[in-house]
């Protein structure tokens, strides 16, 4: 299921789009896949190249590859990360006229941590950020959906490998 729009914690001029997907796996396994940045090129169609580490204030170098646009090298900053829960990165472009907050979130679906909701999306802000996000919403949502599907596939492979040991 995908959603978009403004929520109560988003500034009036911001635009948010995301994709959410159920994952029949514990948050720890999903986190294992997401936090292993060195292995993203093996499974991640949206960000097929990434360098850096998950550390607050760390600049990452990321190749952003939406299917209907030329790949673009971006350098977001890790704003926050919480094991088994979230990764937040910010990016300022065009002299601050476009501000992006990229997030990946894992929400436990049950108390036993046997299933989760994987959300990933972006909040666009800045003088022209909202307009850019709205203009590109279909492309963004398709990219986030591809990311989630690939992540879920990778999680399934990791779980199968663990079960086979």
N, C-alpha and C. Protein backbone atom coordinates (compact mmCIF):
# COMPACT_ATOMS: atom_id res chain seq x y z
N UNK A 1 0.85 -1.18 0.00
CA UNK A 1 0.00 0.00 0.00
C UNK A 1 0.89 1.23 0.00
N UNK A 2 0.60 2.20 -0.78
CA UNK A 2 1.36 3.43 -0.85
C UNK A 2 0.51 4.58 -0.35
N UNK A 3 1.18 5.58 0.20
CA UNK A 3 0.45 6.76 0.65
C UNK A 3 1.26 7.99 0.32
N UNK A 4 0.59 9.11 0.33
CA UNK A 4 1.27 10.37 0.09
C UNK A 4 0.45 11.48 0.71
N UNK A 5 1.06 12.65 0.85
CA UNK A 5 0.34 13.80 1.37
C UNK A 5 1.06 14.40 2.55
N UNK A 6 0.35 15.18 3.28
CA UNK A 6 0.92 15.85 4.44
C UNK A 6 0.32 15.26 5.70
N UNK A 7 1.15 14.97 6.66
CA UNK A 7 0.71 14.46 7.94
C UNK A 7 0.83 15.54 8.99
N UNK A 8 0.45 15.26 10.22
CA UNK A 8 0.45 16.28 11.26
C UNK A 8 1.85 16.78 11.63
N UNK A 9 2.90 16.01 11.31
CA UNK A 9 4.25 16.41 11.69
C UNK A 9 5.06 16.94 10.52
N UNK A 10 4.40 17.18 9.40
CA UNK A 10 5.08 17.64 8.20
C UNK A 10 4.64 19.08 7.94
N UNK A 11 5.60 19.94 7.65
CA UNK A 11 5.28 21.34 7.38
C UNK A 11 4.31 21.45 6.22
N UNK A 12 3.52 22.50 6.21
CA UNK A 12 2.47 22.69 5.20
C UNK A 12 3.03 22.68 3.78
N UNK A 13 4.25 23.12 3.57
CA UNK A 13 4.83 23.18 2.24
C UNK A 13 5.55 21.90 1.86
N UNK A 14 5.57 20.91 2.72
CA UNK A 14 6.26 19.66 2.46
C UNK A 14 5.38 18.70 1.67
N UNK A 15 6.04 17.74 1.04
CA UNK A 15 5.34 16.68 0.33
C UNK A 15 5.99 15.35 0.73
N UNK A 16 5.15 14.39 1.07
CA UNK A 16 5.64 13.08 1.51
C UNK A 16 5.06 12.01 0.61
N UNK A 17 5.91 11.08 0.20
CA UNK A 17 5.43 9.90 -0.51
C UNK A 17 6.21 8.70 0.03
N UNK A 18 5.51 7.56 0.12
CA UNK A 18 6.15 6.37 0.67
C UNK A 18 5.49 5.11 0.13
N UNK A 19 6.14 4.01 0.41
CA UNK A 19 5.59 2.69 0.11
C UNK A 19 5.77 1.84 1.37
N UNK A 20 4.72 1.08 1.70
CA UNK A 20 4.74 0.20 2.89
C UNK A 20 4.46 -1.22 2.43
N UNK A 21 5.13 -2.18 3.07
CA UNK A 21 4.94 -3.57 2.69
C UNK A 21 5.10 -4.46 3.92
N UNK A 22 4.25 -5.46 4.03
CA UNK A 22 4.38 -6.45 5.09
C UNK A 22 5.53 -7.39 4.81
N UNK A 23 6.24 -7.75 5.86
CA UNK A 23 7.39 -8.65 5.74
C UNK A 23 7.24 -9.76 6.78
N UNK A 24 7.13 -11.02 6.36
CA UNK A 24 6.99 -12.12 7.32
C UNK A 24 8.36 -12.52 7.90
N UNK A 25 8.94 -11.59 8.65
CA UNK A 25 10.27 -11.81 9.21
C UNK A 25 10.46 -10.92 10.44
N UNK A 26 11.35 -11.32 11.34
CA UNK A 26 11.65 -10.49 12.50
C UNK A 26 12.39 -9.20 12.11
N UNK A 27 12.23 -8.19 12.92
CA UNK A 27 12.90 -6.91 12.67
C UNK A 27 14.41 -7.07 12.63
N UNK A 28 14.96 -8.00 13.40
CA UNK A 28 16.41 -8.19 13.44
C UNK A 28 16.96 -8.66 12.09
N UNK A 29 16.21 -9.50 11.39
CA UNK A 29 16.67 -9.98 10.09
C UNK A 29 16.55 -8.87 9.04
N UNK A 30 15.46 -8.12 9.09
CA UNK A 30 15.30 -7.00 8.16
C UNK A 30 16.42 -5.99 8.39
N UNK A 31 16.71 -5.71 9.65
CA UNK A 31 17.78 -4.77 9.98
C UNK A 31 19.13 -5.29 9.50
N UNK A 32 19.36 -6.59 9.63
CA UNK A 32 20.61 -7.19 9.16
C UNK A 32 20.81 -6.88 7.67
N UNK A 33 19.76 -7.00 6.89
CA UNK A 33 19.84 -6.71 5.45
C UNK A 33 20.03 -5.21 5.21
N UNK A 34 19.24 -4.37 5.87
CA UNK A 34 19.31 -2.93 5.64
C UNK A 34 20.60 -2.29 6.13
N UNK A 35 21.13 -2.76 7.24
CA UNK A 35 22.31 -2.11 7.81
C UNK A 35 23.61 -2.56 7.16
N UNK A 36 23.58 -3.59 6.35
CA UNK A 36 24.77 -4.08 5.66
C UNK A 36 24.91 -3.34 4.33
N UNK A 37 25.35 -2.09 4.41
CA UNK A 37 25.43 -1.23 3.23
C UNK A 37 26.36 -1.81 2.16
N UNK A 38 27.40 -2.52 2.57
CA UNK A 38 28.34 -3.10 1.61
C UNK A 38 27.66 -4.10 0.67
N UNK A 39 26.56 -4.70 1.10
CA UNK A 39 25.89 -5.71 0.29
C UNK A 39 24.69 -5.15 -0.49
N UNK A 40 24.37 -3.87 -0.32
CA UNK A 40 23.24 -3.27 -1.05
C UNK A 40 23.35 -3.49 -2.56
N UNK A 41 24.55 -3.37 -3.16
CA UNK A 41 24.63 -3.58 -4.62
C UNK A 41 24.16 -4.97 -5.07
N UNK A 42 24.15 -5.94 -4.17
CA UNK A 42 23.74 -7.30 -4.52
C UNK A 42 22.22 -7.41 -4.70
N UNK A 43 21.45 -6.51 -4.08
CA UNK A 43 20.00 -6.68 -4.10
C UNK A 43 19.21 -5.40 -4.35
N UNK A 44 19.80 -4.25 -4.19
CA UNK A 44 19.05 -3.00 -4.16
C UNK A 44 18.97 -2.32 -5.53
N UNK A 45 17.80 -2.33 -6.18
CA UNK A 45 17.68 -1.71 -7.50
C UNK A 45 17.64 -0.18 -7.46
N UNK A 46 17.22 0.39 -6.33
CA UNK A 46 17.09 1.84 -6.22
C UNK A 46 18.42 2.51 -5.90
N UNK A 47 19.21 1.86 -5.06
CA UNK A 47 20.53 2.38 -4.66
C UNK A 47 21.57 1.29 -4.92
N UNK A 48 21.96 1.08 -6.18
CA UNK A 48 22.85 -0.02 -6.51
C UNK A 48 24.31 0.19 -6.10
N UNK A 49 24.64 1.39 -5.63
CA UNK A 49 25.99 1.65 -5.15
C UNK A 49 25.89 2.59 -3.97
N UNK A 50 26.57 2.22 -2.89
CA UNK A 50 26.57 3.07 -1.70
C UNK A 50 27.89 2.86 -0.96
N UNK A 51 28.45 3.95 -0.49
CA UNK A 51 29.64 3.87 0.36
C UNK A 51 29.42 4.75 1.57
N UNK A 52 30.03 4.34 2.67
CA UNK A 52 29.89 5.05 3.94
C UNK A 52 29.43 4.10 5.01
N UNK A 53 29.19 4.65 6.19
CA UNK A 53 28.74 3.84 7.31
C UNK A 53 27.54 4.52 7.97
N UNK A 54 26.74 3.69 8.63
CA UNK A 54 25.60 4.23 9.38
C UNK A 54 26.13 4.82 10.68
N UNK A 55 26.34 6.11 10.66
CA UNK A 55 26.82 6.84 11.82
C UNK A 55 26.24 8.24 11.71
N UNK A 56 25.66 8.73 12.78
CA UNK A 56 25.05 10.07 12.76
C UNK A 56 26.09 11.09 12.32
N UNK A 57 25.71 11.90 11.34
CA UNK A 57 26.59 12.91 10.79
C UNK A 57 27.44 12.42 9.64
N UNK A 58 27.43 11.12 9.37
CA UNK A 58 28.23 10.53 8.29
C UNK A 58 27.64 10.87 6.93
N UNK A 59 28.47 11.31 6.01
CA UNK A 59 28.05 11.51 4.62
C UNK A 59 28.16 10.18 3.89
N UNK A 60 27.11 9.83 3.18
CA UNK A 60 27.12 8.64 2.34
C UNK A 60 27.28 9.08 0.90
N UNK A 61 27.82 8.22 0.09
CA UNK A 61 27.84 8.45 -1.35
C UNK A 61 26.97 7.38 -1.97
N UNK A 62 25.89 7.80 -2.62
CA UNK A 62 24.85 6.88 -3.07
C UNK A 62 24.54 7.13 -4.55
N UNK A 63 24.48 6.04 -5.31
CA UNK A 63 23.99 6.14 -6.67
C UNK A 63 22.49 5.88 -6.63
N UNK A 64 21.72 6.89 -6.95
CA UNK A 64 20.25 6.80 -6.94
C UNK A 64 19.80 6.46 -8.35
N UNK A 65 19.08 5.33 -8.51
CA UNK A 65 18.76 4.84 -9.85
C UNK A 65 17.26 4.55 -9.99
N UNK A 66 16.47 5.60 -10.17
CA UNK A 66 15.06 5.41 -10.47
C UNK A 66 14.96 4.91 -11.91
N UNK A 67 14.01 4.03 -12.18
CA UNK A 67 13.95 3.33 -13.47
C UNK A 67 13.78 4.23 -14.68
N UNK A 68 13.11 5.35 -14.56
CA UNK A 68 12.87 6.20 -15.73
C UNK A 68 13.67 7.49 -15.73
N UNK A 69 14.80 7.48 -15.03
CA UNK A 69 15.66 8.66 -14.97
C UNK A 69 17.12 8.20 -14.99
N UNK A 70 18.01 9.04 -15.47
CA UNK A 70 19.42 8.65 -15.44
C UNK A 70 19.91 8.52 -13.99
N UNK A 71 20.80 7.57 -13.71
CA UNK A 71 21.34 7.45 -12.36
C UNK A 71 21.98 8.76 -11.91
N UNK A 72 21.86 9.04 -10.62
CA UNK A 72 22.33 10.31 -10.07
C UNK A 72 23.12 10.02 -8.79
N UNK A 73 24.31 10.60 -8.69
CA UNK A 73 25.12 10.45 -7.49
C UNK A 73 24.68 11.49 -6.47
N UNK A 74 24.29 11.04 -5.29
CA UNK A 74 23.87 11.95 -4.22
C UNK A 74 24.74 11.70 -3.00
N UNK A 75 24.80 12.69 -2.12
CA UNK A 75 25.62 12.59 -0.91
C UNK A 75 24.79 13.00 0.32
N UNK A 76 23.87 12.13 0.72
CA UNK A 76 23.05 12.44 1.90
C UNK A 76 23.85 12.26 3.20
N UNK A 77 23.35 12.87 4.24
CA UNK A 77 23.94 12.77 5.57
C UNK A 77 23.03 11.93 6.45
N UNK A 78 23.62 10.99 7.19
CA UNK A 78 22.85 10.19 8.13
C UNK A 78 22.43 11.10 9.28
N UNK A 79 21.13 11.25 9.45
CA UNK A 79 20.58 12.10 10.50
C UNK A 79 20.36 11.27 11.78
N UNK A 80 19.89 10.05 11.59
CA UNK A 80 19.62 9.17 12.73
C UNK A 80 19.53 7.74 12.23
N UNK A 81 19.79 6.81 13.09
CA UNK A 81 19.55 5.40 12.82
C UNK A 81 19.33 4.72 14.16
N UNK A 82 18.41 3.80 14.16
CA UNK A 82 18.06 3.04 15.37
C UNK A 82 18.02 1.57 14.96
N UNK A 83 18.87 0.74 15.53
CA UNK A 83 18.87 -0.67 15.16
C UNK A 83 17.48 -1.28 15.23
N UNK A 84 17.16 -2.09 14.24
CA UNK A 84 15.88 -2.79 14.13
C UNK A 84 14.68 -1.86 13.96
N UNK A 85 14.91 -0.57 13.67
CA UNK A 85 13.79 0.36 13.60
C UNK A 85 13.85 1.36 12.44
N UNK A 86 14.96 2.08 12.24
CA UNK A 86 14.93 3.13 11.22
C UNK A 86 16.30 3.61 10.78
N UNK A 87 16.31 4.17 9.58
CA UNK A 87 17.45 4.90 9.03
C UNK A 87 16.89 6.20 8.46
N UNK A 88 17.47 7.33 8.84
CA UNK A 88 17.06 8.65 8.33
C UNK A 88 18.26 9.34 7.72
N UNK A 89 18.10 9.85 6.50
CA UNK A 89 19.17 10.59 5.83
C UNK A 89 18.59 11.87 5.23
N UNK A 90 19.38 12.95 5.28
CA UNK A 90 18.92 14.21 4.71
C UNK A 90 19.84 14.62 3.57
N UNK A 91 19.25 15.40 2.67
CA UNK A 91 19.98 15.87 1.51
C UNK A 91 19.45 17.25 1.15
N UNK A 92 20.36 18.17 0.93
CA UNK A 92 19.99 19.51 0.49
C UNK A 92 20.55 19.70 -0.91
N UNK A 93 19.69 20.13 -1.84
CA UNK A 93 20.10 20.31 -3.23
C UNK A 93 19.71 21.70 -3.71
N UNK A 94 20.29 22.09 -4.82
CA UNK A 94 19.98 23.38 -5.46
C UNK A 94 20.09 24.53 -4.47
N UNK A 95 21.20 24.56 -3.74
CA UNK A 95 21.44 25.65 -2.80
C UNK A 95 20.43 25.73 -1.67
N UNK A 96 19.82 24.60 -1.31
CA UNK A 96 18.84 24.56 -0.22
C UNK A 96 17.40 24.75 -0.68
N UNK A 97 17.20 24.99 -1.97
CA UNK A 97 15.84 25.15 -2.48
C UNK A 97 15.07 23.82 -2.45
N UNK A 98 15.83 22.71 -2.46
CA UNK A 98 15.23 21.38 -2.36
C UNK A 98 15.86 20.68 -1.17
N UNK A 99 15.02 20.28 -0.24
CA UNK A 99 15.48 19.53 0.94
C UNK A 99 14.74 18.21 0.96
N UNK A 100 15.49 17.13 1.16
CA UNK A 100 14.91 15.80 1.16
C UNK A 100 15.25 15.07 2.45
N UNK A 101 14.27 14.43 3.04
CA UNK A 101 14.50 13.57 4.19
C UNK A 101 14.07 12.17 3.77
N UNK A 102 15.02 11.28 3.62
CA UNK A 102 14.79 9.90 3.18
C UNK A 102 14.72 9.03 4.42
N UNK A 103 13.71 8.16 4.48
CA UNK A 103 13.58 7.30 5.65
C UNK A 103 13.27 5.87 5.25
N UNK A 104 13.76 4.97 6.07
CA UNK A 104 13.44 3.55 5.98
C UNK A 104 13.06 3.15 7.41
N UNK A 105 11.87 2.59 7.57
CA UNK A 105 11.39 2.25 8.92
C UNK A 105 10.92 0.80 8.98
N UNK A 106 11.20 0.18 10.09
CA UNK A 106 10.73 -1.18 10.37
C UNK A 106 9.82 -1.09 11.58
N UNK A 107 8.58 -1.52 11.41
CA UNK A 107 7.63 -1.53 12.53
C UNK A 107 7.24 -2.97 12.82
N UNK A 108 7.43 -3.39 14.06
CA UNK A 108 7.02 -4.74 14.44
C UNK A 108 5.50 -4.84 14.35
N UNK A 109 5.04 -5.89 13.70
CA UNK A 109 3.61 -6.10 13.52
C UNK A 109 2.98 -6.79 14.72
N UNK A 110 3.76 -7.59 15.42
CA UNK A 110 3.25 -8.31 16.58
C UNK A 110 4.28 -8.32 17.71
N UNK A 111 3.84 -8.67 18.90
CA UNK A 111 4.72 -8.66 20.07
C UNK A 111 5.82 -9.71 19.98
N UNK A 112 5.58 -10.78 19.23
CA UNK A 112 6.57 -11.84 19.12
C UNK A 112 7.67 -11.51 18.10
N UNK A 113 7.51 -10.40 17.38
CA UNK A 113 8.46 -9.96 16.36
C UNK A 113 8.67 -11.05 15.29
N UNK A 114 7.55 -11.54 14.76
CA UNK A 114 7.61 -12.53 13.69
C UNK A 114 7.25 -11.92 12.34
N UNK A 115 6.71 -10.72 12.35
CA UNK A 115 6.34 -10.02 11.11
C UNK A 115 6.47 -8.51 11.35
N UNK A 116 6.74 -7.79 10.27
CA UNK A 116 6.94 -6.35 10.37
C UNK A 116 6.32 -5.64 9.17
N UNK A 117 6.23 -4.33 9.30
CA UNK A 117 5.87 -3.46 8.18
C UNK A 117 7.15 -2.71 7.82
N UNK A 118 7.53 -2.79 6.56
CA UNK A 118 8.69 -2.07 6.06
C UNK A 118 8.17 -0.85 5.30
N UNK A 119 8.58 0.33 5.74
CA UNK A 119 8.17 1.59 5.10
C UNK A 119 9.42 2.28 4.59
N UNK A 120 9.33 2.83 3.41
CA UNK A 120 10.40 3.70 2.97
C UNK A 120 9.80 4.78 2.10
N UNK A 121 10.38 5.95 2.24
CA UNK A 121 9.83 7.09 1.52
C UNK A 121 10.71 8.30 1.67
N UNK A 122 10.14 9.42 1.26
CA UNK A 122 10.90 10.65 1.29
C UNK A 122 9.95 11.83 1.53
N UNK A 123 10.44 12.78 2.28
CA UNK A 123 9.73 14.03 2.52
C UNK A 123 10.51 15.12 1.79
N UNK A 124 9.82 15.82 0.90
CA UNK A 124 10.42 16.91 0.15
C UNK A 124 9.99 18.22 0.77
N UNK A 125 10.95 19.11 0.95
CA UNK A 125 10.69 20.42 1.53
C UNK A 125 11.58 21.44 0.83
N UNK A 126 11.52 22.66 1.28
CA UNK A 126 12.31 23.72 0.67
C UNK A 126 11.44 24.51 -0.30
N UNK A 127 12.00 25.56 -0.85
CA UNK A 127 11.26 26.47 -1.70
C UNK A 127 10.61 25.77 -2.90
N UNK A 128 11.32 24.82 -3.53
CA UNK A 128 10.75 24.11 -4.68
C UNK A 128 10.65 22.59 -4.44
N UNK A 129 11.06 22.13 -3.27
CA UNK A 129 11.06 20.70 -2.98
C UNK A 129 9.70 20.05 -3.08
N UNK A 130 8.69 20.69 -2.54
CA UNK A 130 7.34 20.14 -2.56
C UNK A 130 6.84 19.96 -4.00
N UNK A 131 7.08 20.96 -4.83
CA UNK A 131 6.66 20.86 -6.23
C UNK A 131 7.40 19.73 -6.95
N UNK A 132 8.68 19.58 -6.67
CA UNK A 132 9.47 18.52 -7.28
C UNK A 132 8.95 17.15 -6.85
N UNK A 133 8.69 16.98 -5.57
CA UNK A 133 8.16 15.72 -5.06
C UNK A 133 6.83 15.37 -5.69
N UNK A 134 5.93 16.35 -5.79
CA UNK A 134 4.63 16.11 -6.41
C UNK A 134 4.78 15.75 -7.88
N UNK A 135 5.65 16.44 -8.55
CA UNK A 135 5.86 16.16 -9.98
C UNK A 135 6.37 14.74 -10.21
N UNK A 136 7.25 14.28 -9.32
CA UNK A 136 7.91 12.98 -9.49
C UNK A 136 7.29 11.86 -8.67
N UNK A 137 6.13 12.08 -8.10
CA UNK A 137 5.57 11.11 -7.14
C UNK A 137 5.41 9.70 -7.69
N UNK A 138 5.01 9.54 -8.94
CA UNK A 138 4.84 8.18 -9.50
C UNK A 138 6.19 7.47 -9.61
N UNK A 139 7.18 8.20 -10.08
CA UNK A 139 8.53 7.64 -10.19
C UNK A 139 9.09 7.29 -8.82
N UNK A 140 8.90 8.18 -7.87
CA UNK A 140 9.38 7.94 -6.50
C UNK A 140 8.72 6.71 -5.90
N UNK A 141 7.41 6.66 -5.98
CA UNK A 141 6.67 5.55 -5.39
C UNK A 141 7.07 4.22 -6.03
N UNK A 142 7.24 4.21 -7.36
CA UNK A 142 7.68 2.99 -8.05
C UNK A 142 9.07 2.56 -7.56
N UNK A 143 9.95 3.52 -7.36
CA UNK A 143 11.29 3.20 -6.84
C UNK A 143 11.24 2.65 -5.43
N UNK A 144 10.41 3.24 -4.58
CA UNK A 144 10.29 2.77 -3.20
C UNK A 144 9.67 1.38 -3.16
N UNK A 145 8.72 1.13 -4.05
CA UNK A 145 8.10 -0.20 -4.13
C UNK A 145 9.13 -1.24 -4.58
N UNK A 146 9.96 -0.90 -5.56
CA UNK A 146 11.01 -1.82 -6.02
C UNK A 146 12.02 -2.09 -4.91
N UNK A 147 12.37 -1.06 -4.16
CA UNK A 147 13.28 -1.21 -3.02
C UNK A 147 12.69 -2.19 -2.01
N UNK A 148 11.43 -1.98 -1.62
CA UNK A 148 10.80 -2.85 -0.64
C UNK A 148 10.73 -4.29 -1.13
N UNK A 149 10.31 -4.49 -2.38
CA UNK A 149 10.20 -5.85 -2.92
C UNK A 149 11.56 -6.54 -2.92
N UNK A 150 12.60 -5.83 -3.32
CA UNK A 150 13.94 -6.42 -3.34
C UNK A 150 14.44 -6.71 -1.93
N UNK A 151 14.13 -5.84 -0.99
CA UNK A 151 14.53 -6.05 0.40
C UNK A 151 13.83 -7.29 0.97
N UNK A 152 12.53 -7.42 0.71
CA UNK A 152 11.77 -8.57 1.21
C UNK A 152 12.33 -9.86 0.60
N UNK A 153 12.68 -9.82 -0.68
CA UNK A 153 13.29 -10.99 -1.32
C UNK A 153 14.62 -11.34 -0.66
N UNK A 154 15.43 -10.33 -0.39
CA UNK A 154 16.73 -10.56 0.26
C UNK A 154 16.54 -11.11 1.66
N UNK A 155 15.58 -10.58 2.40
CA UNK A 155 15.29 -11.07 3.76
C UNK A 155 14.89 -12.55 3.70
N UNK A 156 14.07 -12.92 2.73
CA UNK A 156 13.65 -14.32 2.59
C UNK A 156 14.86 -15.22 2.34
N UNK A 157 15.79 -14.76 1.52
CA UNK A 157 17.00 -15.55 1.24
C UNK A 157 17.87 -15.68 2.48
N UNK A 158 17.99 -14.62 3.24
CA UNK A 158 18.78 -14.67 4.49
C UNK A 158 18.14 -15.65 5.48
N UNK A 159 16.82 -15.58 5.59
CA UNK A 159 16.12 -16.50 6.51
C UNK A 159 16.24 -17.95 6.04
N UNK A 160 16.16 -18.19 4.75
CA UNK A 160 16.32 -19.55 4.22
C UNK A 160 17.71 -20.08 4.48
N UNK A 161 18.72 -19.24 4.32
CA UNK A 161 20.09 -19.65 4.57
C UNK A 161 20.30 -19.98 6.05
N UNK A 162 19.68 -19.19 6.94
CA UNK A 162 19.77 -19.47 8.39
C UNK A 162 19.08 -20.78 8.74
N UNK A 163 17.93 -21.04 8.10
CA UNK A 163 17.19 -22.25 8.39
C UNK A 163 17.91 -23.48 7.87
N UNK A 164 18.71 -23.32 6.81
CA UNK A 164 19.45 -24.43 6.22
C UNK A 164 20.72 -24.80 6.96
N UNK A 165 21.11 -24.01 7.92
CA UNK A 165 22.34 -24.30 8.68
C UNK A 165 22.18 -25.41 9.63
